[in-house]
Structures are given as structure tokens and as C-alpha cells.
Protein backbone atom coordinates (compact mmCIF):
# COMPACT_ATOMS: atom_id res chain seq x y z
CA MET A 1 83.05 -9.98 151.86
CA LYS A 2 81.18 -7.47 150.97
CA VAL A 3 82.48 -3.94 150.73
CA ASN A 4 80.57 -0.81 149.01
CA LEU A 5 83.31 0.83 147.17
CA LEU A 6 81.12 3.96 146.76
CA LYS A 7 80.02 4.36 150.49
CA VAL A 8 83.32 5.17 152.26
CA PRO A 9 83.57 7.22 155.14
CA PHE A 10 83.93 11.07 153.54
CA ASP A 11 85.35 13.73 155.01
CA GLU A 12 85.82 17.05 153.91
CA SER A 13 88.80 18.64 155.71
CA ARG A 14 90.78 15.84 154.73
CA THR A 15 92.02 11.92 152.56
CA ARG A 16 90.68 9.67 154.45
CA HIS A 17 91.38 5.64 153.28
CA THR A 18 89.93 2.45 154.02
CA LEU A 19 91.37 -1.16 153.97
CA ALA A 20 88.75 -3.13 151.37
CA TYR A 21 90.71 -6.01 150.80
CA ASP A 22 93.31 -7.28 152.25
CA SER A 23 95.65 -10.59 151.71
CA LYS A 24 99.00 -11.46 150.35
CA GLU A 25 98.27 -11.60 146.70
CA ALA A 26 96.23 -8.35 146.33
CA ARG A 27 95.44 -5.30 148.49
CA LEU A 28 92.79 -3.08 147.95
CA VAL A 29 92.08 0.21 149.76
CA VAL A 30 89.63 2.95 149.37
CA PHE A 31 90.69 7.00 149.47
CA SER A 32 87.82 9.58 149.78
CA MET A 33 89.32 12.81 149.09
CA PRO A 34 88.26 15.91 149.29
CA PRO A 35 88.64 19.16 147.00
CA GLY A 36 92.47 20.38 146.88
CA SER A 37 93.81 17.40 148.86
CA GLU A 38 96.71 14.90 148.05
CA VAL A 39 98.33 12.19 147.98
CA PRO A 40 101.97 12.96 147.97
CA PRO A 41 103.72 11.16 144.92
CA HIS A 42 105.68 7.54 146.66
CA THR A 43 106.68 4.14 145.39
CA SER A 44 105.37 0.30 146.07
CA PRO A 45 107.79 -2.99 145.08
CA SER A 46 104.60 -3.95 143.85
CA ARG A 47 102.17 -3.00 141.40
CA VAL A 48 99.45 0.13 141.42
CA LEU A 49 96.23 -0.08 139.70
CA LEU A 50 94.42 3.75 140.57
CA TYR A 51 90.94 3.46 139.98
CA CYS A 52 88.69 7.47 139.64
CA ALA A 53 85.56 5.33 140.82
CA LYS A 54 84.08 9.13 141.76
CA GLY A 55 84.81 12.68 141.02
CA SER A 56 87.83 13.96 138.88
CA GLY A 57 91.59 14.91 139.36
CA GLU A 58 95.22 14.16 138.73
CA PHE A 59 96.81 10.49 138.66
CA LEU A 60 100.35 10.74 139.23
CA LYS A 61 102.33 8.35 137.06
CA GLY A 62 105.87 8.39 136.61
CA LYS A 63 106.31 12.41 136.40
CA ASP A 64 103.56 12.86 134.48
CA TRP A 65 99.99 14.27 136.50
CA ILE A 66 97.16 12.10 134.03
CA ALA A 67 94.02 14.49 134.50
CA VAL A 68 91.52 11.94 135.42
CA GLU A 69 87.43 11.36 135.78
CA GLU A 70 84.91 8.69 137.05
CA GLY A 71 85.57 5.02 135.43
CA ASP A 72 89.87 6.14 134.14
CA VAL A 73 91.85 3.61 135.48
CA VAL A 74 95.96 4.41 135.30
CA ALA A 75 98.57 1.33 135.52
CA CYS A 76 101.82 2.16 137.99
CA GLU A 77 105.01 -0.40 138.05
CA PRO A 78 106.66 -1.45 140.47
CA LEU A 79 108.82 1.20 141.96
CA GLU A 80 107.33 3.95 139.89
CA PRO A 81 105.96 6.98 141.37
CA HIS A 82 102.39 7.60 141.44
CA GLY A 83 99.67 9.99 144.12
CA MET A 84 96.58 11.58 143.57
CA LYS A 85 95.20 15.10 143.31
CA ALA A 86 91.38 15.16 143.69
CA SER A 87 90.28 18.50 141.90
CA THR A 88 86.18 17.57 143.22
CA PRO A 89 85.59 15.17 146.15
CA MET A 90 87.26 12.42 144.36
CA ILE A 91 86.80 8.31 145.37
CA VAL A 92 89.97 6.36 144.50
CA VAL A 93 90.24 2.68 144.36
CA ALA A 94 93.91 1.42 144.15
CA THR A 95 94.86 -2.28 143.92
CA ILE A 96 98.17 -2.87 144.75
CA ALA A 97 99.72 -6.63 143.23
CA PRO A 98 101.45 -8.36 145.11
CA ALA A 99 100.51 -7.18 148.75
CA PRO A 100 103.61 -5.39 149.97
């Protein structure tokens, strides 16, 4: 399987997500986010790694919003609140392990 994570569908009006990989061991979801969009805070029973592949914005980890730019990774523990906000057009790769 081959997926180019930087060539995911992009919509200037809303956040889109693409399931790039899925197994019981891990799930890989790619989010394309226009400026001003967000993924509201939520939790997962799994560990979640958020990677900013393009653009800039903020990732929520627990109670703290952390400014991120291309290349930054934030790791969230199981049941720790997490979310995302885009300041510029942003592509985020979320790795969830194990898949819920």
C-alpha cells in the first residue's frame, strides 16, 4: 500500500479526513484543515500521535494548547483530551495505536 500524505483531498470550507491505513495494531488518519478550522477536543482509549506535516496551528494535549508548525509531533496518552486548530492551511497525520 502506498499513500502520499501530502496529496490528500483539501477543501477550503471545512476539515476533511482520510483514512490512510487501518489495522487492529494502528490507524493512520490524515486531516486537511483550512485556516480557522478545528477538530474539537475529544479522547481516545488509544495513544494518539499528532504530526503537523504542513502548515501551522495548535494541538491540544490535556489542558494545554501547543503551537505547532511543520515537522512538530505531539504525543497524547490514552484518555488524554486532544484536538487541533489550523492557523494556516494545515495537514495533520494522526497515528492511533492500537486502533480503537
